Amino acid sequence: MPERIIIENRTNLPMDGVLPYVEKVIGQGRISNSNTQYCYVTTWSTEGIIVYADKNKKSDRFVVTKEGRGK
């Protein structure tokens, strides 16, 4: 079965600016929920980036946000 990922960019960064963060989470492997999901929440405090990961039935979903309101 082919793998599928969904990336939701909720920052003001372009997509190529958030891809390295998602790549880093994927690179760490499936470490949550008995090694079946990517890390639920990964943060980069110096950059203010947060990546949330969720496993759907047919895909992995990543939501990239920036800390603080209006950023």
N, C-alpha and C. Protein backbone atom coordinates (compact mmCIF):
# COMPACT_ATOMS: atom_id res chain seq x y z
N MET A 1 0.84 -1.19 0.00
CA MET A 1 0.00 0.00 0.00
C MET A 1 0.89 1.25 0.00
N PRO A 2 0.64 2.19 -0.88
CA PRO A 2 1.43 3.42 -0.92
C PRO A 2 1.25 4.24 0.35
N GLU A 3 2.32 4.91 0.74
CA GLU A 3 2.24 5.79 1.90
C GLU A 3 1.82 7.18 1.44
N ARG A 4 1.10 7.88 2.31
CA ARG A 4 0.61 9.20 1.97
C ARG A 4 0.80 10.12 3.19
N ILE A 5 1.24 11.36 2.93
CA ILE A 5 1.30 12.33 4.02
C ILE A 5 0.51 13.58 3.62
N ILE A 6 -0.05 14.20 4.63
CA ILE A 6 -0.77 15.46 4.46
C ILE A 6 -0.04 16.47 5.33
N ILE A 7 0.27 17.63 4.76
CA ILE A 7 0.94 18.70 5.51
C ILE A 7 0.04 19.92 5.47
N GLU A 8 -0.35 20.37 6.64
CA GLU A 8 -1.14 21.59 6.75
C GLU A 8 -0.24 22.68 7.32
N ASN A 9 0.01 23.69 6.54
CA ASN A 9 0.91 24.78 6.92
C ASN A 9 0.07 25.93 7.49
N ARG A 10 0.13 26.08 8.81
CA ARG A 10 -0.62 27.16 9.47
C ARG A 10 0.31 28.31 9.89
N THR A 11 1.41 28.45 9.19
CA THR A 11 2.35 29.54 9.47
C THR A 11 2.32 30.51 8.29
N ASN A 12 3.09 31.58 8.43
CA ASN A 12 3.23 32.51 7.30
C ASN A 12 4.45 32.16 6.45
N LEU A 13 5.08 31.02 6.74
CA LEU A 13 6.23 30.56 5.97
C LEU A 13 5.76 29.87 4.69
N PRO A 14 6.57 29.91 3.64
CA PRO A 14 6.21 29.15 2.43
C PRO A 14 6.35 27.65 2.73
N MET A 15 5.74 26.84 1.91
CA MET A 15 5.78 25.39 2.13
C MET A 15 7.21 24.86 2.19
N ASP A 16 8.09 25.38 1.34
CA ASP A 16 9.48 24.88 1.40
C ASP A 16 10.18 25.30 2.69
N GLY A 17 9.60 26.23 3.43
CA GLY A 17 10.14 26.62 4.72
C GLY A 17 9.72 25.70 5.85
N VAL A 18 8.59 25.01 5.69
CA VAL A 18 8.11 24.10 6.74
C VAL A 18 8.49 22.65 6.46
N LEU A 19 8.80 22.34 5.22
CA LEU A 19 9.14 20.95 4.88
C LEU A 19 10.32 20.38 5.69
N PRO A 20 11.38 21.15 5.95
CA PRO A 20 12.48 20.59 6.75
C PRO A 20 12.05 20.16 8.16
N TYR A 21 11.07 20.85 8.74
CA TYR A 21 10.59 20.47 10.06
C TYR A 21 9.83 19.14 10.00
N VAL A 22 8.98 18.99 9.01
CA VAL A 22 8.25 17.73 8.83
C VAL A 22 9.23 16.61 8.52
N GLU A 23 10.23 16.90 7.71
CA GLU A 23 11.24 15.90 7.36
C GLU A 23 11.97 15.42 8.62
N LYS A 24 12.26 16.33 9.52
CA LYS A 24 12.96 15.97 10.77
C LYS A 24 12.09 15.04 11.62
N VAL A 25 10.79 15.33 11.72
CA VAL A 25 9.88 14.48 12.49
C VAL A 25 9.82 13.09 11.86
N ILE A 26 9.69 13.04 10.55
CA ILE A 26 9.64 11.74 9.86
C ILE A 26 10.96 11.00 10.05
N GLY A 27 12.06 11.72 10.00
CA GLY A 27 13.38 11.11 10.16
C GLY A 27 13.60 10.48 11.52
N GLN A 28 12.89 10.96 12.54
CA GLN A 28 13.02 10.37 13.88
C GLN A 28 12.28 9.04 13.98
N GLY A 29 11.43 8.77 13.01
CA GLY A 29 10.71 7.50 12.99
C GLY A 29 9.42 7.54 13.79
N ARG A 30 8.75 6.42 13.78
CA ARG A 30 7.48 6.27 14.50
C ARG A 30 7.79 5.92 15.95
N ILE A 31 7.73 6.92 16.82
CA ILE A 31 8.14 6.73 18.20
C ILE A 31 7.00 6.86 19.21
N SER A 32 5.81 7.21 18.76
CA SER A 32 4.67 7.37 19.66
C SER A 32 3.68 6.22 19.46
N ASN A 33 2.81 6.03 20.44
CA ASN A 33 1.74 5.03 20.38
C ASN A 33 2.29 3.64 19.99
N SER A 34 3.17 3.14 20.83
CA SER A 34 3.79 1.82 20.61
C SER A 34 4.49 1.72 19.26
N ASN A 35 5.17 2.80 18.89
CA ASN A 35 5.96 2.86 17.65
C ASN A 35 5.13 2.73 16.38
N THR A 36 3.89 3.24 16.42
CA THR A 36 3.03 3.20 15.23
C THR A 36 2.76 4.58 14.65
N GLN A 37 3.14 5.63 15.39
CA GLN A 37 2.89 7.00 14.93
C GLN A 37 4.14 7.84 15.12
N TYR A 38 4.21 8.90 14.30
CA TYR A 38 5.30 9.86 14.49
C TYR A 38 5.04 10.65 15.77
N CYS A 39 6.07 11.28 16.30
CA CYS A 39 5.95 12.02 17.56
C CYS A 39 4.76 12.97 17.49
N TYR A 40 3.88 12.88 18.50
CA TYR A 40 2.65 13.68 18.51
C TYR A 40 2.91 15.17 18.38
N VAL A 41 3.90 15.68 19.14
CA VAL A 41 4.21 17.11 19.12
C VAL A 41 5.72 17.28 19.18
N THR A 42 6.26 18.00 18.21
CA THR A 42 7.69 18.31 18.20
C THR A 42 7.82 19.82 18.10
N THR A 43 8.66 20.39 18.97
CA THR A 43 8.81 21.85 18.98
C THR A 43 10.26 22.26 18.73
N TRP A 44 10.39 23.40 18.10
CA TRP A 44 11.68 24.08 17.92
C TRP A 44 11.52 25.43 18.60
N SER A 45 11.90 25.50 19.86
CA SER A 45 11.63 26.71 20.64
C SER A 45 12.38 27.93 20.12
N THR A 46 13.57 27.76 19.59
CA THR A 46 14.31 28.93 19.10
C THR A 46 13.66 29.53 17.85
N GLU A 47 13.03 28.68 17.04
CA GLU A 47 12.35 29.17 15.85
C GLU A 47 10.86 29.40 16.08
N GLY A 48 10.33 28.85 17.18
CA GLY A 48 8.91 28.99 17.48
C GLY A 48 8.02 28.10 16.64
N ILE A 49 8.57 27.03 16.08
CA ILE A 49 7.81 26.12 15.22
C ILE A 49 7.33 24.92 16.03
N ILE A 50 6.09 24.51 15.78
CA ILE A 50 5.51 23.33 16.41
C ILE A 50 4.94 22.45 15.30
N VAL A 51 5.27 21.16 15.34
CA VAL A 51 4.72 20.20 14.38
C VAL A 51 3.89 19.17 15.15
N TYR A 52 2.62 19.08 14.81
CA TYR A 52 1.72 18.08 15.38
C TYR A 52 1.58 16.96 14.36
N ALA A 53 1.64 15.73 14.81
CA ALA A 53 1.49 14.58 13.91
C ALA A 53 0.32 13.73 14.35
N ASP A 54 -0.42 13.24 13.38
CA ASP A 54 -1.58 12.39 13.63
C ASP A 54 -1.63 11.32 12.56
N LYS A 55 -2.08 10.14 12.93
CA LYS A 55 -2.20 9.06 11.96
C LYS A 55 -3.66 8.87 11.62
N ASN A 56 -3.99 9.05 10.36
CA ASN A 56 -5.33 8.79 9.86
C ASN A 56 -5.37 7.35 9.36
N LYS A 57 -6.52 6.94 8.89
CA LYS A 57 -6.67 5.57 8.40
C LYS A 57 -5.73 5.27 7.23
N LYS A 58 -5.59 6.21 6.30
CA LYS A 58 -4.80 5.97 5.09
C LYS A 58 -3.60 6.90 4.93
N SER A 59 -3.32 7.74 5.94
CA SER A 59 -2.22 8.69 5.78
C SER A 59 -1.72 9.16 7.13
N ASP A 60 -0.59 9.85 7.08
CA ASP A 60 -0.07 10.57 8.24
C ASP A 60 -0.30 12.04 7.97
N ARG A 61 -0.74 12.76 8.99
CA ARG A 61 -1.06 14.19 8.84
C ARG A 61 -0.16 14.99 9.76
N PHE A 62 0.42 16.04 9.21
CA PHE A 62 1.29 16.94 9.98
C PHE A 62 0.72 18.34 9.90
N VAL A 63 0.57 18.98 11.06
CA VAL A 63 0.12 20.36 11.13
C VAL A 63 1.28 21.18 11.67
N VAL A 64 1.72 22.17 10.90
CA VAL A 64 2.85 23.01 11.30
C VAL A 64 2.30 24.36 11.71
N THR A 65 2.64 24.78 12.93
CA THR A 65 2.18 26.07 13.44
C THR A 65 3.38 26.85 13.99
N LYS A 66 3.11 28.09 14.30
CA LYS A 66 4.13 28.95 14.89
C LYS A 66 3.59 29.41 16.24
N GLU A 67 4.46 29.42 17.25
CA GLU A 67 4.05 29.84 18.60
C GLU A 67 3.57 31.27 18.62
N GLY A 68 2.61 31.54 19.47
CA GLY A 68 2.12 32.90 19.65
C GLY A 68 1.07 33.28 18.63
N ARG A 69 0.24 34.18 19.00
CA ARG A 69 -0.83 34.64 18.11
C ARG A 69 -0.27 35.68 17.14
N GLY A 70 -0.77 35.64 15.93
CA GLY A 70 -0.42 36.64 14.93
C GLY A 70 0.97 36.51 14.36
N LYS A 71 1.59 35.33 14.53
CA LYS A 71 2.95 35.15 13.98
C LYS A 71 2.91 34.32 12.74
